[in-house]
PDB file of N, CA and C in Angstrom:
ATOM      1  N   MET A   1     144.334 163.380  40.313  1.00  0.00           N
ATOM      2  CA  MET A   1     142.881 163.305  40.259  1.00  0.00           C
ATOM      3  C   MET A   1     142.490 162.102  39.398  1.00  0.00           C
ATOM      4  N   THR A   2     141.612 161.236  39.912  1.00  0.00           N
ATOM      5  CA  THR A   2     141.166 160.074  39.161  1.00  0.00           C
ATOM      6  C   THR A   2     139.864 160.393  38.454  1.00  0.00           C
ATOM      7  N   THR A   3     139.698 159.779  37.310  1.00  0.00           N
ATOM      8  CA  THR A   3     138.478 159.984  36.545  1.00  0.00           C
ATOM      9  C   THR A   3     137.587 158.760  36.680  1.00  0.00           C
ATOM     10  N   ALA A   4     136.351 158.898  36.228  1.00  0.00           N
ATOM     11  CA  ALA A   4     135.412 157.778  36.290  1.00  0.00           C
ATOM     12  C   ALA A   4     135.923 156.607  35.470  1.00  0.00           C
ATOM     13  N   GLY A   5     136.588 156.882  34.361  1.00  0.00           N
ATOM     14  CA  GLY A   5     137.143 155.821  33.526  1.00  0.00           C
ATOM     15  C   GLY A   5     138.212 155.023  34.241  1.00  0.00           C
ATOM     16  N   ASP A   6     139.047 155.725  35.032  1.00  0.00           N
ATOM     17  CA  ASP A   6     140.077 155.041  35.809  1.00  0.00           C
ATOM     18  C   ASP A   6     139.458 154.114  36.842  1.00  0.00           C
ATOM     19  N   VAL A   7     138.418 154.598  37.508  1.00  0.00           N
ATOM     20  CA  VAL A   7     137.741 153.806  38.543  1.00  0.00           C
ATOM     21  C   VAL A   7     137.067 152.599  37.909  1.00  0.00           C
ATOM     22  N   ASP A   8     136.345 152.806  36.782  1.00  0.00           N
ATOM     23  CA  ASP A   8     135.688 151.701  36.091  1.00  0.00           C
ATOM     24  C   ASP A   8     136.702 150.663  35.650  1.00  0.00           C
ATOM     25  N   SER A   9     137.822 151.099  35.118  1.00  0.00           N
ATOM     26  CA  SER A   9     138.861 150.187  34.661  1.00  0.00           C
ATOM     27  C   SER A   9     139.426 149.377  35.811  1.00  0.00           C
ATOM     28  N   LYS A  10     139.625 150.030  36.954  1.00  0.00           N
ATOM     29  CA  LYS A  10     140.158 149.338  38.126  1.00  0.00           C
ATOM     30  C   LYS A  10     139.170 148.286  38.623  1.00  0.00           C
ATOM     31  N   VAL A  11     137.889 148.616  38.635  1.00  0.00           N
ATOM     32  CA  VAL A  11     136.858 147.673  39.075  1.00  0.00           C
ATOM     33  C   VAL A  11     136.813 146.472  38.138  1.00  0.00           C
ATOM     34  N   ILE A  12     136.883 146.723  36.837  1.00  0.00           N
ATOM     35  CA  ILE A  12     136.886 145.640  35.865  1.00  0.00           C
ATOM     36  C   ILE A  12     138.114 144.773  36.045  1.00  0.00           C
ATOM     37  N   ASP A  13     139.290 145.398  36.204  1.00  0.00           N
ATOM     38  CA  ASP A  13     140.521 144.634  36.400  1.00  0.00           C
ATOM     39  C   ASP A  13     140.425 143.760  37.642  1.00  0.00           C
ATOM     40  N   GLU A  14     139.907 144.305  38.739  1.00  0.00           N
ATOM     41  CA  GLU A  14     139.778 143.535  39.967  1.00  0.00           C
ATOM     42  C   GLU A  14     138.799 142.378  39.794  1.00  0.00           C
ATOM     43  N   ALA A  15     137.712 142.602  39.071  1.00  0.00           N
ATOM     44  CA  ALA A  15     136.730 141.543  38.833  1.00  0.00           C
ATOM     45  C   ALA A  15     137.344 140.420  38.003  1.00  0.00           C
ATOM     46  N   VAL A  16     138.126 140.781  36.999  1.00  0.00           N
ATOM     47  CA  VAL A  16     138.766 139.776  36.149  1.00  0.00           C
ATOM     48  C   VAL A  16     139.791 138.975  36.955  1.00  0.00           C
ATOM     49  N   ILE A  17     140.576 139.664  37.758  1.00  0.00           N
ATOM     50  CA  ILE A  17     141.574 138.977  38.581  1.00  0.00           C
ATOM     51  C   ILE A  17     140.889 138.062  39.592  1.00  0.00           C
ATOM     52  N   ASP A  18     139.835 138.536  40.215  1.00  0.00           N
ATOM     53  CA  ASP A  18     139.101 137.697  41.168  1.00  0.00           C
ATOM     54  C   ASP A  18     138.544 136.453  40.489  1.00  0.00           C
ATOM     55  N   GLU A  19     137.994 136.602  39.299  1.00  0.00           N
ATOM     56  CA  GLU A  19     137.442 135.465  38.566  1.00  0.00           C
ATOM     57  C   GLU A  19     138.556 134.501  38.157  1.00  0.00           C
ATOM     58  N   ALA A  20     139.695 135.016  37.722  1.00  0.00           N
ATOM     59  CA  ALA A  20     140.824 134.158  37.359  1.00  0.00           C
ATOM     60  C   ALA A  20     141.325 133.380  38.574  1.00  0.00           C
ATOM     61  N   LEU A  21     141.408 134.055  39.711  1.00  0.00           N
ATOM     62  CA  LEU A  21     141.834 133.370  40.936  1.00  0.00           C
ATOM     63  C   LEU A  21     140.833 132.294  41.337  1.00  0.00           C
ATOM     64  N   ARG A  22     139.541 132.571  41.173  1.00  0.00           N
ATOM     65  CA  ARG A  22     138.512 131.579  41.479  1.00  0.00           C
ATOM     66  C   ARG A  22     138.669 130.358  40.587  1.00  0.00           C
ATOM     67  N   LEU A  23     138.928 130.596  39.315  1.00  0.00           N
ATOM     68  CA  LEU A  23     139.116 129.503  38.369  1.00  0.00           C
ATOM     69  C   LEU A  23     140.350 128.677  38.717  1.00  0.00           C
ATOM     70  N   ILE A  24     141.444 129.347  39.043  1.00  0.00           N
ATOM     71  CA  ILE A  24     142.677 128.657  39.424  1.00  0.00           C
ATOM     72  C   ILE A  24     142.457 127.834  40.692  1.00  0.00           C
ATOM     73  N   ASP A  25     141.849 128.438  41.708  1.00  0.00           N
ATOM     74  CA  ASP A  25     141.598 127.734  42.966  1.00  0.00           C
ATOM     75  C   ASP A  25     140.721 126.504  42.754  1.00  0.00           C
ATOM     76  N   GLY A  26     139.679 126.666  41.940  1.00  0.00           N
ATOM     77  CA  GLY A  26     138.801 125.531  41.655  1.00  0.00           C
ATOM     78  C   GLY A  26     139.520 124.426  40.907  1.00  0.00           C
ATOM     79  N   GLY A  27     140.330 124.812  39.934  1.00  0.00           N
ATOM     80  CA  GLY A  27     141.087 123.819  39.171  1.00  0.00           C
ATOM     81  C   GLY A  27     142.097 123.093  40.030  1.00  0.00           C
ATOM     82  N   LEU A  28     142.787 123.840  40.887  1.00  0.00           N
ATOM     83  CA  LEU A  28     143.769 123.213  41.770  1.00  0.00           C
ATOM     84  C   LEU A  28     143.102 122.291  42.777  1.00  0.00           C
ATOM     85  N   ALA A  29     141.966 122.696  43.304  1.00  0.00           N
ATOM     86  CA  ALA A  29     141.246 121.847  44.255  1.00  0.00           C
ATOM     87  C   ALA A  29     140.817 120.544  43.590  1.00  0.00           C
ATOM     88  N   ASP A  30     140.401 120.631  42.337  1.00  0.00           N
ATOM     89  CA  ASP A  30     139.994 119.438  41.597  1.00  0.00           C
ATOM     90  C   ASP A  30     141.189 118.522  41.339  1.00  0.00           C
ATOM     91  N   LEU A  31     142.340 119.100  41.048  1.00  0.00           N
ATOM     92  CA  LEU A  31     143.521 118.317  40.707  1.00  0.00           C
ATOM     93  C   LEU A  31     144.250 117.762  41.929  1.00  0.00           C
ATOM     94  N   LEU A  32     144.027 118.353  43.094  1.00  0.00           N
ATOM     95  CA  LEU A  32     144.733 117.952  44.306  1.00  0.00           C
ATOM     96  C   LEU A  32     144.530 116.491  44.674  1.00  0.00           C
ATOM     97  N   HIS A  33     143.367 115.973  44.408  1.00  0.00           N
ATOM     98  CA  HIS A  33     143.013 114.630  44.848  1.00  0.00           C
ATOM     99  C   HIS A  33     143.354 113.557  43.816  1.00  0.00           C
ATOM    100  N   ARG A  34     144.096 113.925  42.811  1.00  0.00           N
ATOM    101  CA  ARG A  34     144.427 112.977  41.746  1.00  0.00           C
ATOM    102  C   ARG A  34     145.930 112.784  41.661  1.00  0.00           C
ATOM    103  N   GLU A  35     146.328 111.580  41.313  1.00  0.00           N
ATOM    104  CA  GLU A  35     147.752 111.286  41.173  1.00  0.00           C
ATOM    105  C   GLU A  35     148.268 111.668  39.791  1.00  0.00           C
ATOM    106  N   LEU A  36     147.424 111.498  38.789  1.00  0.00           N
ATOM    107  CA  LEU A  36     147.812 111.817  37.415  1.00  0.00           C
ATOM    108  C   LEU A  36     146.874 112.870  36.836  1.00  0.00           C
ATOM    109  N   VAL A  37     147.453 113.797  36.125  1.00  0.00           N
ATOM    110  CA  VAL A  37     146.674 114.844  35.464  1.00  0.00           C
ATOM    111  C   VAL A  37     147.184 114.939  34.035  1.00  0.00           C
ATOM    112  N   SER A  38     146.267 114.943  33.090  1.00  0.00           N
ATOM    113  CA  SER A  38     146.690 115.007  31.693  1.00  0.00           C
ATOM    114  C   SER A  38     147.141 116.412  31.319  1.00  0.00           C
ATOM    115  N   THR A  39     148.009 116.478  30.350  1.00  0.00           N
ATOM    116  CA  THR A  39     148.467 117.779  29.865  1.00  0.00           C
ATOM    117  C   THR A  39     147.312 118.554  29.237  1.00  0.00           C
ATOM    118  N   ASP A  40     146.340 117.847  28.673  1.00  0.00           N
ATOM    119  CA  ASP A  40     145.168 118.522  28.101  1.00  0.00           C
ATOM    120  C   ASP A  40     144.387 119.286  29.172  1.00  0.00           C
ATOM    121  N   GLU A  41     144.249 118.676  30.344  1.00  0.00           N
ATOM    122  CA  GLU A  41     143.522 119.346  31.423  1.00  0.00           C
ATOM    123  C   GLU A  41     144.258 120.589  31.904  1.00  0.00           C
ATOM    124  N   ILE A  42     145.569 120.500  32.017  1.00  0.00           N
ATOM    125  CA  ILE A  42     146.365 121.657  32.441  1.00  0.00           C
ATOM    126  C   ILE A  42     146.312 122.743  31.375  1.00  0.00           C
ATOM    127  N   SER A  43     146.418 122.336  30.113  1.00  0.00           N
ATOM    128  CA  SER A  43     146.334 123.305  29.011  1.00  0.00           C
ATOM    129  C   SER A  43     144.992 124.022  29.014  1.00  0.00           C
ATOM    130  N   ASP A  44     143.909 123.272  29.240  1.00  0.00           N
ATOM    131  CA  ASP A  44     142.575 123.882  29.292  1.00  0.00           C
ATOM    132  C   ASP A  44     142.473 124.895  30.421  1.00  0.00           C
ATOM    133  N   LEU A  45     143.013 124.544  31.590  1.00  0.00           N
ATOM    134  CA  LEU A  45     142.979 125.461  32.722  1.00  0.00           C
ATOM    135  C   LEU A  45     143.765 126.735  32.416  1.00  0.00           C
ATOM    136  N   LEU A  46     144.957 126.574  31.850  1.00  0.00           N
ATOM    137  CA  LEU A  46     145.776 127.746  31.521  1.00  0.00           C
ATOM    138  C   LEU A  46     145.121 128.607  30.446  1.00  0.00           C
ATOM    139  N   LEU A  47     144.507 127.982  29.457  1.00  0.00           N
ATOM    140  CA  LEU A  47     143.814 128.743  28.419  1.00  0.00           C
ATOM    141  C   LEU A  47     142.612 129.495  28.981  1.00  0.00           C
ATOM    142  N   ASP A  48     141.882 128.868  29.920  1.00  0.00           N
ATOM    143  CA  ASP A  48     140.756 129.551  30.560  1.00  0.00           C
ATOM    144  C   ASP A  48     141.233 130.778  31.322  1.00  0.00           C
ATOM    145  N   VAL A  49     142.338 130.638  32.059  1.00  0.00           N
ATOM    146  CA  VAL A  49     142.882 131.773  32.808  1.00  0.00           C
ATOM    147  C   VAL A  49     143.337 132.864  31.852  1.00  0.00           C
ATOM    148  N   ARG A  50     144.011 132.472  30.778  1.00  0.00           N
ATOM    149  CA  ARG A  50     144.471 133.457  29.789  1.00  0.00           C
ATOM    150  C   ARG A  50     143.288 134.208  29.191  1.00  0.00           C
ATOM    151  N   MET A  51     142.217 133.474  28.876  1.00  0.00           N
ATOM    152  CA  MET A  51     141.030 134.100  28.302  1.00  0.00           C
ATOM    153  C   MET A  51     140.442 135.124  29.272  1.00  0.00           C
ATOM    154  N   LEU A  52     140.386 134.754  30.555  1.00  0.00           N
ATOM    155  CA  LEU A  52     139.859 135.684  31.552  1.00  0.00           C
ATOM    156  C   LEU A  52     140.705 136.947  31.653  1.00  0.00           C
ATOM    157  N   LEU A  53     142.007 136.778  31.625  1.00  0.00           N
ATOM    158  CA  LEU A  53     142.887 137.926  31.799  1.00  0.00           C
ATOM    159  C   LEU A  53     142.912 138.834  30.579  1.00  0.00           C
ATOM    160  N   THR A  54     142.561 138.323  29.412  1.00  0.00           N
ATOM    161  CA  THR A  54     142.501 139.158  28.217  1.00  0.00           C
ATOM    162  C   THR A  54     141.082 139.649  27.945  1.00  0.00           C
ATOM    163  N   ALA A  55     140.110 139.194  28.727  1.00  0.00           N
ATOM    164  CA  ALA A  55     138.704 139.569  28.519  1.00  0.00           C
ATOM    165  C   ALA A  55     138.449 141.071  28.595  1.00  0.00           C
ATOM    166  N   PRO A  56     139.117 141.817  29.504  1.00  0.00           N
ATOM    167  CA  PRO A  56     138.802 143.255  29.568  1.00  0.00           C
ATOM    168  C   PRO A  56     139.068 143.982  28.255  1.00  0.00           C
ATOM    169  N   GLU A  57     140.012 143.501  27.490  1.00  0.00           N
ATOM    170  CA  GLU A  57     140.309 144.139  26.213  1.00  0.00           C
ATOM    171  C   GLU A  57     139.180 143.929  25.221  1.00  0.00           C
ATOM    172  N   MET A  58     138.441 142.828  25.384  1.00  0.00           N
ATOM    173  CA  MET A  58     137.390 142.494  24.433  1.00  0.00           C
ATOM    174  C   MET A  58     135.991 142.706  24.993  1.00  0.00           C
ATOM    175  N   ALA A  59     135.876 142.968  26.311  1.00  0.00           N
ATOM    176  CA  ALA A  59     134.564 143.046  26.954  1.00  0.00           C
ATOM    177  C   ALA A  59     133.841 144.336  26.588  1.00  0.00           C
ATOM    178  N   SER A  60     132.547 144.215  26.513  1.00  0.00           N
ATOM    179  CA  SER A  60     131.723 145.414  26.333  1.00  0.00           C
ATOM    180  C   SER A  60     131.028 145.706  27.653  1.00  0.00           C
ATOM    181  N   ASP A  61     130.514 146.896  27.801  1.00  0.00           N
ATOM    182  CA  ASP A  61     129.835 147.275  29.034  1.00  0.00           C
ATOM    183  C   ASP A  61     128.461 146.619  29.149  1.00  0.00           C
ATOM    184  N   SER A  62     127.980 145.989  28.082  1.00  0.00           N
ATOM    185  CA  SER A  62     126.616 145.470  28.090  1.00  0.00           C
ATOM    186  C   SER A  62     126.475 144.094  28.712  1.00  0.00           C
ATOM    187  N   GLY A  63     127.555 143.337  28.860  1.00  0.00           N
ATOM    188  CA  GLY A  63     127.421 142.000  29.365  1.00  0.00           C
ATOM    189  C   GLY A  63     128.440 141.664  30.434  1.00  0.00           C
ATOM    190  N   PRO A  64     128.297 140.480  31.040  1.00  0.00           N
ATOM    191  CA  PRO A  64     129.246 140.078  32.078  1.00  0.00           C
ATOM    192  C   PRO A  64     130.613 139.787  31.470  1.00  0.00           C
ATOM    193  N   LEU A  65     131.658 139.929  32.291  1.00  0.00           N
ATOM    194  CA  LEU A  65     133.012 139.655  31.813  1.00  0.00           C
ATOM    195  C   LEU A  65     133.211 138.180  31.550  1.00  0.00           C
ATOM    196  N   VAL A  66     132.609 137.350  32.383  1.00  0.00           N
ATOM    197  CA  VAL A  66     132.817 135.918  32.280  1.00  0.00           C
ATOM    198  C   VAL A  66     131.485 135.228  32.401  1.00  0.00           C
ATOM    199  N   GLU A  67     131.246 134.276  31.514  1.00  0.00           N
ATOM    200  CA  GLU A  67     130.034 133.488  31.603  1.00  0.00           C
ATOM    201  C   GLU A  67     130.234 132.394  32.625  1.00  0.00           C
ATOM    202  N   ALA A  68     129.146 131.955  33.238  1.00  0.00           N
ATOM    203  CA  ALA A  68     129.225 130.865  34.197  1.00  0.00           C
ATOM    204  C   ALA A  68     129.629 129.590  33.458  1.00  0.00           C
ATOM    205  N   PRO A  69     130.472 128.752  34.088  1.00  0.00           N
ATOM    206  CA  PRO A  69     130.882 127.510  33.431  1.00  0.00           C
ATOM    207  C   PRO A  69     129.684 126.594  33.188  1.00  0.00           C
ATOM    208  N   ALA A  70     129.767 125.839  32.125  1.00  0.00           N
ATOM    209  CA  ALA A  70     128.650 124.940  31.764  1.00  0.00           C
ATOM    210  C   ALA A  70     128.685 123.674  32.573  1.00  0.00           C
TER     211      ALA A  70
END
């Protein structure tokens, strides 16, 4: 038997994974057309993905999991 907490957690996990995949896809699409990519850019992309994947541990129910990029 599943509880409401299990369902909420699954929805949050799926939202975080979807957002991380969106970020990865966008970053890869941006990098595809370039011959050289700096390590700083790759580090930033990996840190953004890491932040998204750890967000559920820090997220509250009052706000969005991920803010729109600036």
